[in-house]
Amino acid sequence: MFPAVPSSSLWTERRAPILCTSTSRAYLHTAIRESQRRWPFRIDAMVLLDEHLHAILTLPEGDTRYPARWGYKAQEFMKSGALDTTAME
């Protein structure tokens, strides 16, 4: 059994409404899957809105590397260029 961890959020700069574009969703999906490949976790719930994301993750028993998972996902998403509001769909 995996112990649940607190929820976390990701917000865009100035709450730019870009997370629900097809490009942003693709970058976000890739960042999440790569994070899961590096550090296993289960997504219990996720809410994606235009300008922010909430998630509840469950980690393996005894694993406390939650910040590594969430930080990696956010870092990879930001590096992807998806947050470039000048290229909004």
Protein backbone atom coordinates (compact mmCIF):
# COMPACT_ATOMS: atom_id res chain seq x y z
CA MET A 1 0.00 0.00 0.00
CA PHE A 2 1.21 3.49 -0.84
CA PRO A 3 0.84 6.29 1.73
CA ALA A 4 -0.91 9.40 0.40
CA VAL A 5 0.95 12.71 0.31
CA PRO A 6 -0.36 16.27 0.43
CA SER A 7 -1.63 17.88 -2.72
CA SER A 8 0.44 20.33 -4.73
CA SER A 9 -0.24 23.00 -7.28
CA LEU A 10 1.45 24.43 -10.35
CA TRP A 11 0.56 27.98 -11.38
CA THR A 12 1.49 29.78 -14.57
CA GLU A 13 3.23 33.13 -14.46
CA ARG A 14 0.66 35.90 -13.98
CA ARG A 15 -1.92 33.09 -14.20
CA ALA A 16 -1.67 33.01 -17.97
CA PRO A 17 -4.47 30.73 -19.27
CA ILE A 18 -2.24 28.36 -21.22
CA LEU A 19 -2.37 24.95 -19.49
CA CYS A 20 -5.36 23.66 -21.43
CA THR A 21 -3.90 24.17 -24.89
CA SER A 22 -3.08 20.99 -26.76
CA THR A 23 0.62 21.91 -26.82
CA SER A 24 0.74 22.54 -23.08
CA ARG A 25 -1.13 19.33 -22.31
CA ALA A 26 1.34 17.36 -24.42
CA TYR A 27 4.36 18.93 -22.67
CA LEU A 28 2.76 18.41 -19.26
CA HIS A 29 1.95 14.77 -20.04
CA THR A 30 5.55 14.15 -21.11
CA ALA A 31 6.96 15.81 -17.97
CA ILE A 32 4.67 13.79 -15.69
CA ARG A 33 5.45 10.47 -17.40
CA GLU A 34 9.20 11.12 -17.29
CA SER A 35 8.95 11.99 -13.60
CA GLN A 36 7.02 8.73 -13.00
CA ARG A 37 9.68 6.79 -14.89
CA ARG A 38 12.43 8.24 -12.68
CA TRP A 39 10.55 8.10 -9.37
CA PRO A 40 7.44 5.85 -9.24
CA PHE A 41 4.22 7.39 -7.97
CA ARG A 42 0.50 7.03 -8.49
CA ILE A 43 -1.72 9.94 -9.50
CA ASP A 44 -4.79 9.75 -7.25
CA ALA A 45 -6.41 12.94 -8.49
CA MET A 46 -5.54 15.75 -10.85
CA VAL A 47 -7.42 18.87 -11.84
CA LEU A 48 -6.16 20.86 -14.82
CA LEU A 49 -7.51 24.37 -15.24
CA ASP A 50 -6.46 27.07 -17.69
CA GLU A 51 -3.91 28.67 -15.40
CA HIS A 52 -3.13 26.08 -12.73
CA LEU A 53 -2.96 22.42 -11.85
CA HIS A 54 -3.72 20.57 -8.61
CA ALA A 55 -2.58 17.00 -7.97
CA ILE A 56 -2.65 14.38 -5.24
CA LEU A 57 0.07 11.78 -5.59
CA THR A 58 0.81 8.58 -3.69
CA LEU A 59 4.41 7.44 -3.22
CA PRO A 60 5.80 3.97 -2.49
CA GLU A 61 6.00 2.99 1.18
CA GLY A 62 8.91 4.74 2.91
CA ASP A 63 9.67 7.00 -0.06
CA THR A 64 9.91 10.68 0.88
CA ARG A 65 11.22 12.10 -2.41
CA TYR A 66 7.99 13.91 -3.21
CA PRO A 67 9.73 17.27 -3.89
CA ALA A 68 11.98 15.60 -6.47
CA ARG A 69 8.97 14.34 -8.42
CA TRP A 70 6.97 17.54 -8.36
CA GLY A 71 9.98 19.79 -8.91
CA TYR A 72 11.20 17.74 -11.87
CA LYS A 73 7.78 17.84 -13.51
CA ALA A 74 7.49 21.60 -13.08
CA GLN A 75 11.07 22.19 -14.25
CA GLU A 76 10.68 20.06 -17.37
CA PHE A 77 7.36 21.68 -18.23
CA MET A 78 8.84 25.17 -17.91
CA LYS A 79 11.90 24.21 -20.01
CA SER A 80 9.61 22.88 -22.75
CA GLY A 81 8.59 26.36 -23.81
CA ALA A 82 4.94 25.66 -23.07
CA LEU A 83 4.79 28.69 -20.81
CA ASP A 84 5.55 31.05 -23.70
CA THR A 85 2.37 33.11 -23.62
CA THR A 86 3.26 34.76 -26.92
CA ALA A 87 2.53 31.44 -28.65
CA MET A 88 -0.89 30.80 -27.14
CA GLU A 89 -3.41 28.91 -29.24
